[in-house]
Amino acid sequence: MDDPLRYSTRLVAVCLLSLTAAMVTFVYTQHDVEYYPFAETPYILFVAFFVLWLAYFLMKRLAGNFVNWIFFKREKIFTYQRAYTFFYAIGSLLSLVLAVVVMYMPFSPGEVLLMMLCLIFLVKILLLFKTYQLFFPKLYGTLHLIVYFCTLELMPLLVLVQFLAYAGWLLMVKL
């Protein structure tokens, strides 16, 4: 039942998604920077954003696995993980296109943020629909939707935004 290709696909998709998210975050935070006190500062800042995004996706996946393990059977979890991996891959490819467009075309930070939010919203709506199809026939399927999208998608994203803002500020001040 376990597919090794699924794990490698998920790993590549998460790394690609973290890389592109770090690129967009870096471009968004560097709009107002006039100079760096040291030559290494932008590289350290980019690596910090990449590591924060990677940790975000890892913690979100671990929390999702824990919730699924509590509420659902192995067959449904496997089907859900296949769909989740597919949506990760689609989201990472779309975000790579977005990151390349952002890197080579002059967009304001507000436009970059709006494009990224639209992409995230599209992928989350597709994932919500798939989750609804898989888990809704029973009463606790509705609970899974509430738990999943409120506590495992929205709250970690809000926490990540605060961490990224603080990390950017800290690295700009300390370096």
Protein backbone atom coordinates (compact mmCIF):
# COMPACT_ATOMS: atom_id res chain seq x y z
CA MET A 1 0.00 0.00 0.00
CA ASP A 2 2.95 2.36 0.53
CA ASP A 3 4.35 3.82 -2.64
CA PRO A 4 8.02 4.93 -2.54
CA LEU A 5 7.42 7.24 -5.50
CA ARG A 6 4.80 9.08 -3.46
CA TYR A 7 7.37 9.88 -0.74
CA SER A 8 9.98 11.12 -3.20
CA THR A 9 7.35 13.16 -5.04
CA ARG A 10 6.22 14.72 -1.78
CA LEU A 11 9.80 15.49 -0.76
CA VAL A 12 10.61 17.13 -4.09
CA ALA A 13 7.33 19.05 -4.06
CA VAL A 14 7.86 20.31 -0.50
CA CYS A 15 11.43 21.40 -1.23
CA LEU A 16 10.36 23.13 -4.44
CA LEU A 17 7.44 24.79 -2.69
CA SER A 18 9.69 25.93 0.17
CA LEU A 19 12.24 27.27 -2.28
CA THR A 20 9.72 29.23 -4.30
CA ALA A 21 7.97 30.50 -1.18
CA ALA A 22 11.35 31.63 0.15
CA MET A 23 12.04 33.43 -3.13
CA VAL A 24 8.71 35.25 -3.02
CA THR A 25 9.15 36.07 0.67
CA PHE A 26 12.67 37.35 0.01
CA VAL A 27 11.51 39.56 -2.87
CA TYR A 28 8.61 40.83 -0.77
CA THR A 29 10.84 41.77 2.18
CA GLN A 30 13.64 43.28 0.07
CA HIS A 31 11.51 45.91 -1.62
CA ASP A 32 12.43 48.63 0.87
CA VAL A 33 16.05 47.61 1.59
CA GLU A 34 18.57 50.16 0.39
CA TYR A 35 21.83 48.46 1.36
CA TYR A 36 23.23 45.56 3.37
CA PRO A 37 25.90 46.08 6.01
CA PHE A 38 27.60 42.81 5.00
CA ALA A 39 27.72 41.04 1.64
CA GLU A 40 26.45 37.76 3.14
CA THR A 41 23.26 39.23 4.61
CA PRO A 42 20.88 38.53 1.69
CA TYR A 43 22.06 34.92 1.45
CA ILE A 44 21.60 34.31 5.15
CA LEU A 45 18.17 35.91 4.98
CA PHE A 46 17.16 33.73 2.03
CA VAL A 47 18.36 30.54 3.74
CA ALA A 48 16.50 31.52 6.92
CA PHE A 49 13.29 31.99 4.94
CA PHE A 50 13.81 28.64 3.21
CA VAL A 51 14.37 26.83 6.51
CA LEU A 52 11.31 28.47 8.07
CA TRP A 53 9.12 27.45 5.14
CA LEU A 54 10.52 23.90 5.22
CA ALA A 55 9.86 23.65 8.97
CA TYR A 56 6.34 24.99 8.40
CA PHE A 57 5.50 22.30 5.85
CA LEU A 58 7.06 19.56 7.99
CA MET A 59 5.17 20.57 11.14
CA LYS A 60 1.93 20.95 9.20
CA ARG A 61 2.33 17.47 7.72
CA LEU A 62 3.10 15.91 11.10
CA ALA A 63 0.05 17.53 12.67
CA GLY A 64 -2.11 16.40 9.74
CA ASN A 65 -0.87 12.83 10.04
CA PHE A 66 -1.65 12.86 13.75
CA VAL A 67 -5.20 14.11 13.22
CA ASN A 68 -5.81 11.62 10.42
CA TRP A 69 -4.44 8.76 12.53
CA ILE A 70 -6.90 9.57 15.31
CA PHE A 71 -10.04 9.96 13.22
CA PHE A 72 -9.78 7.77 10.10
CA LYS A 73 -9.07 4.31 8.72
CA ARG A 74 -5.89 3.41 6.92
CA GLU A 75 -7.49 3.16 3.45
CA LYS A 76 -8.98 6.65 3.62
CA ILE A 77 -5.74 8.05 4.99
CA PHE A 78 -3.84 6.53 2.07
CA THR A 79 -6.30 8.00 -0.45
CA TYR A 80 -6.11 11.37 1.26
CA GLN A 81 -2.30 11.32 1.29
CA ARG A 82 -2.22 10.55 -2.43
CA ALA A 83 -4.51 13.53 -3.10
CA TYR A 84 -2.48 15.71 -0.72
CA THR A 85 0.73 14.80 -2.53
CA PHE A 86 -0.90 15.63 -5.86
CA PHE A 87 -2.02 19.03 -4.61
CA TYR A 88 1.45 19.69 -3.17
CA ALA A 89 2.97 18.93 -6.57
CA ILE A 90 0.48 21.14 -8.41
CA GLY A 91 0.94 23.95 -5.87
CA SER A 92 4.72 23.74 -6.08
CA LEU A 93 4.75 23.88 -9.88
CA LEU A 94 2.33 26.81 -9.95
CA SER A 95 4.31 28.63 -7.28
CA LEU A 96 7.52 28.06 -9.24
CA VAL A 97 5.94 29.78 -12.23
CA LEU A 98 4.78 32.58 -9.94
CA ALA A 99 8.23 32.95 -8.38
CA VAL A 100 9.93 33.16 -11.78
CA VAL A 101 7.44 35.79 -12.91
CA VAL A 102 8.00 37.77 -9.71
CA MET A 103 11.79 37.56 -10.02
CA TYR A 104 11.91 38.87 -13.59
CA MET A 105 9.01 41.32 -13.74
CA PRO A 106 8.66 44.44 -11.60
CA PHE A 107 5.69 43.85 -9.31
CA SER A 108 4.94 45.75 -6.14
CA PRO A 109 4.96 43.77 -2.88
CA GLY A 110 1.18 44.07 -2.63
CA GLU A 111 0.73 42.50 -6.07
CA VAL A 112 3.12 39.68 -5.17
CA LEU A 113 1.21 39.02 -1.97
CA LEU A 114 -2.11 39.04 -3.81
CA MET A 115 -0.87 36.58 -6.45
CA MET A 116 0.51 34.23 -3.79
CA LEU A 117 -2.71 34.40 -1.76
CA CYS A 118 -4.78 33.61 -4.86
CA LEU A 119 -2.58 30.59 -5.57
CA ILE A 120 -2.81 29.36 -1.98
CA PHE A 121 -6.57 29.92 -1.99
CA LEU A 122 -6.99 27.91 -5.20
CA VAL A 123 -5.01 24.94 -3.88
CA LYS A 124 -6.78 25.04 -0.50
CA ILE A 125 -10.22 25.09 -2.12
CA LEU A 126 -9.31 22.06 -4.23
CA LEU A 127 -8.00 20.28 -1.14
CA LEU A 128 -11.14 21.20 0.80
CA PHE A 129 -13.30 19.71 -1.94
CA LYS A 130 -11.28 16.47 -1.94
CA THR A 131 -11.43 16.28 1.86
CA TYR A 132 -15.18 16.81 1.72
CA GLN A 133 -15.53 13.96 -0.78
CA LEU A 134 -13.46 11.55 1.29
CA PHE A 135 -14.57 12.22 4.84
CA PHE A 136 -18.05 13.74 4.81
CA PRO A 137 -20.33 10.63 4.79
CA LYS A 138 -20.04 10.32 8.56
CA LEU A 139 -20.61 12.92 11.24
CA TYR A 140 -16.96 13.18 12.25
CA GLY A 141 -16.08 14.09 8.63
CA THR A 142 -17.46 17.54 9.26
CA LEU A 143 -15.36 17.73 12.42
CA HIS A 144 -12.31 16.79 10.36
CA LEU A 145 -12.99 19.64 7.97
CA ILE A 146 -13.24 22.13 10.82
CA VAL A 147 -10.18 20.78 12.63
CA TYR A 148 -8.12 20.48 9.50
CA PHE A 149 -8.75 23.82 7.88
CA CYS A 150 -8.88 25.94 11.01
CA THR A 151 -6.14 24.42 13.13
CA LEU A 152 -3.90 22.77 10.56
CA GLU A 153 -4.02 25.24 7.68
CA LEU A 154 -4.98 28.74 8.80
CA MET A 155 -3.35 28.99 12.21
CA PRO A 156 0.08 27.65 11.14
CA LEU A 157 0.04 30.04 8.19
CA LEU A 158 -0.63 32.99 10.47
CA VAL A 159 2.12 31.86 12.84
CA LEU A 160 4.50 31.45 9.89
CA VAL A 161 3.82 35.00 8.71
CA GLN A 162 4.77 36.28 12.15
CA PHE A 163 7.94 34.13 12.21
CA LEU A 164 8.96 35.34 8.74
CA ALA A 165 8.44 38.98 9.69
CA TYR A 166 10.39 38.53 12.92
CA ALA A 167 13.20 36.58 11.22
CA GLY A 168 13.52 39.21 8.52
CA TRP A 169 13.63 42.01 11.06
CA LEU A 170 16.05 40.15 13.33
CA LEU A 171 18.47 39.29 10.54
CA MET A 172 18.38 42.82 9.14
CA VAL A 173 19.04 44.33 12.57
CA LYS A 174 21.64 41.84 13.81
CA LEU A 175 23.61 41.49 10.61
